């Protein structure tokens, strides 16, 4: 049986309080900005979809990574995207304030647009 979002969140909370708070803040921002939004546990993280999968959030020991499925198509006006692969890009968040500092809302919107553009 696949792991639920709630079960994964419990595991993330055990990993660290800061990671848990950042993941929850990313999820809240995504829900606030994107409608409809669905979440699915896959690849060890929470994937976001809105008609099409466009990204997800993954917790690690020292940071949280917000991944963008078609991130290579995003114009990186702020310079925070990392990764060199053919498609995916990500942003590393160390603390909740990074969500605003690194303009995550703009990247989420761009990620959804990029995913829809190749649908």
Protein backbone atom coordinates (compact mmCIF):
# COMPACT_ATOMS: atom_id res chain seq x y z
CA UNK A 1 0.00 0.00 0.00
CA UNK A 2 1.45 3.40 -0.94
CA UNK A 3 2.50 5.74 1.85
CA UNK A 4 0.07 8.55 2.63
CA UNK A 5 1.04 12.21 2.75
CA UNK A 6 0.31 12.17 6.50
CA UNK A 7 2.62 9.19 7.08
CA UNK A 8 5.41 10.85 5.10
CA UNK A 9 4.93 14.06 7.09
CA UNK A 10 5.37 12.07 10.30
CA UNK A 11 8.67 10.70 8.95
CA UNK A 12 9.79 14.21 7.94
CA UNK A 13 8.95 15.49 11.42
CA UNK A 14 11.26 12.82 12.85
CA UNK A 15 13.96 13.96 10.42
CA UNK A 16 13.86 17.47 11.85
CA UNK A 17 11.55 20.23 13.03
CA UNK A 18 12.92 22.79 10.55
CA UNK A 19 12.48 20.45 7.57
CA UNK A 20 8.92 19.66 8.68
CA UNK A 21 8.02 23.35 9.03
CA UNK A 22 9.53 24.20 5.64
CA UNK A 23 7.69 21.32 3.91
CA UNK A 24 4.40 22.40 5.50
CA UNK A 25 4.99 26.03 4.46
CA UNK A 26 5.74 24.95 0.86
CA UNK A 27 2.56 22.87 0.80
CA UNK A 28 0.51 25.76 2.19
CA UNK A 29 1.90 28.13 -0.45
CA UNK A 30 1.16 25.67 -3.24
CA UNK A 31 -2.42 25.16 -1.99
CA UNK A 32 -2.90 28.93 -1.72
CA UNK A 33 -1.63 29.60 -5.25
CA UNK A 34 -2.76 26.66 -7.33
CA UNK A 35 -6.29 25.37 -7.69
CA UNK A 36 -6.92 22.56 -8.18
CA UNK A 37 -3.90 21.04 -6.44
CA UNK A 38 -3.43 17.39 -5.65
CA UNK A 39 -0.62 15.73 -3.73
CA UNK A 40 0.82 12.25 -4.06
CA UNK A 41 3.66 10.51 -2.26
CA UNK A 42 6.20 9.28 -4.79
CA UNK A 43 9.99 9.01 -5.02
CA UNK A 44 10.27 9.79 -1.29
CA UNK A 45 8.56 13.17 -1.51
CA UNK A 46 5.23 14.87 -2.08
CA UNK A 47 4.46 15.48 -5.76
CA UNK A 48 2.19 18.33 -6.82
CA UNK A 49 -0.28 18.13 -9.70
CA UNK A 50 -2.84 20.47 -11.17
CA UNK A 51 -4.22 18.56 -14.13
CA UNK A 52 -0.55 17.78 -14.84
CA UNK A 53 2.33 16.96 -12.50
CA UNK A 54 4.62 19.98 -12.20
CA UNK A 55 6.82 19.53 -9.14
CA UNK A 56 7.16 18.40 -5.59
CA UNK A 57 8.80 18.85 -2.23
CA UNK A 58 11.44 16.55 -0.73
CA UNK A 59 13.01 16.70 2.74
CA UNK A 60 16.66 15.85 3.39
CA UNK A 61 18.83 15.99 6.52
CA UNK A 62 20.09 19.52 5.95
CA UNK A 63 17.60 21.08 3.53
CA UNK A 64 14.29 20.82 1.72
CA UNK A 65 14.29 20.65 -2.07
CA UNK A 66 11.44 21.92 -4.21
CA UNK A 67 11.70 20.10 -7.54
CA UNK A 68 10.24 21.27 -10.84
CA UNK A 69 9.45 18.61 -13.45
CA UNK A 70 10.06 20.89 -16.45
CA UNK A 71 12.34 23.30 -14.60
CA UNK A 72 14.77 23.57 -17.52
CA UNK A 73 12.02 25.48 -19.36
CA UNK A 74 11.67 28.09 -16.60
CA UNK A 75 13.28 31.46 -17.18
CA UNK A 76 15.33 31.83 -13.99
CA UNK A 77 15.01 35.59 -13.39
CA UNK A 78 16.19 35.30 -9.77
CA UNK A 79 19.06 32.81 -10.20
CA UNK A 80 18.01 30.26 -7.57
CA UNK A 81 17.37 27.21 -9.76
CA UNK A 82 19.90 24.42 -9.43
CA UNK A 83 20.51 21.36 -11.59
CA UNK A 84 21.93 20.65 -15.00
CA UNK A 85 19.77 17.78 -16.27
CA UNK A 86 17.70 17.82 -19.45
CA UNK A 87 14.44 18.60 -17.67
CA UNK A 88 14.34 18.95 -13.92
CA UNK A 89 15.52 21.84 -11.76
CA UNK A 90 15.24 22.45 -8.02
CA UNK A 91 15.57 25.07 -5.32
CA UNK A 92 17.14 24.26 -1.95
CA UNK A 93 15.46 25.73 1.12
CA UNK A 94 17.29 25.73 4.46
CA UNK A 95 14.73 27.69 6.49
CA UNK A 96 11.19 29.03 6.13
CA UNK A 97 12.38 32.53 5.24
CA UNK A 98 14.01 31.07 2.10
CA UNK A 99 10.51 30.59 0.66
CA UNK A 100 10.11 34.36 0.33
CA UNK A 101 13.79 35.21 -0.19
CA UNK A 102 14.08 32.75 -3.08
CA UNK A 103 10.74 33.81 -4.66
CA UNK A 104 9.24 30.31 -4.48
CA UNK A 105 5.76 31.55 -5.41
CA UNK A 106 7.07 32.82 -8.75
CA UNK A 107 8.84 29.53 -9.43
CA UNK A 108 5.75 27.45 -8.57
CA UNK A 109 3.66 29.46 -11.02
CA UNK A 110 6.35 29.19 -13.71
CA UNK A 111 6.74 25.44 -13.09
CA UNK A 112 3.05 24.82 -13.66
CA UNK A 113 3.13 26.93 -16.84
CA UNK A 114 6.21 25.10 -18.11
CA UNK A 115 4.63 21.69 -17.49
CA UNK A 116 1.41 22.71 -19.27
CA UNK A 117 3.36 24.11 -22.23
CA UNK A 118 4.70 20.67 -23.15
CA UNK A 119 1.53 18.73 -22.37
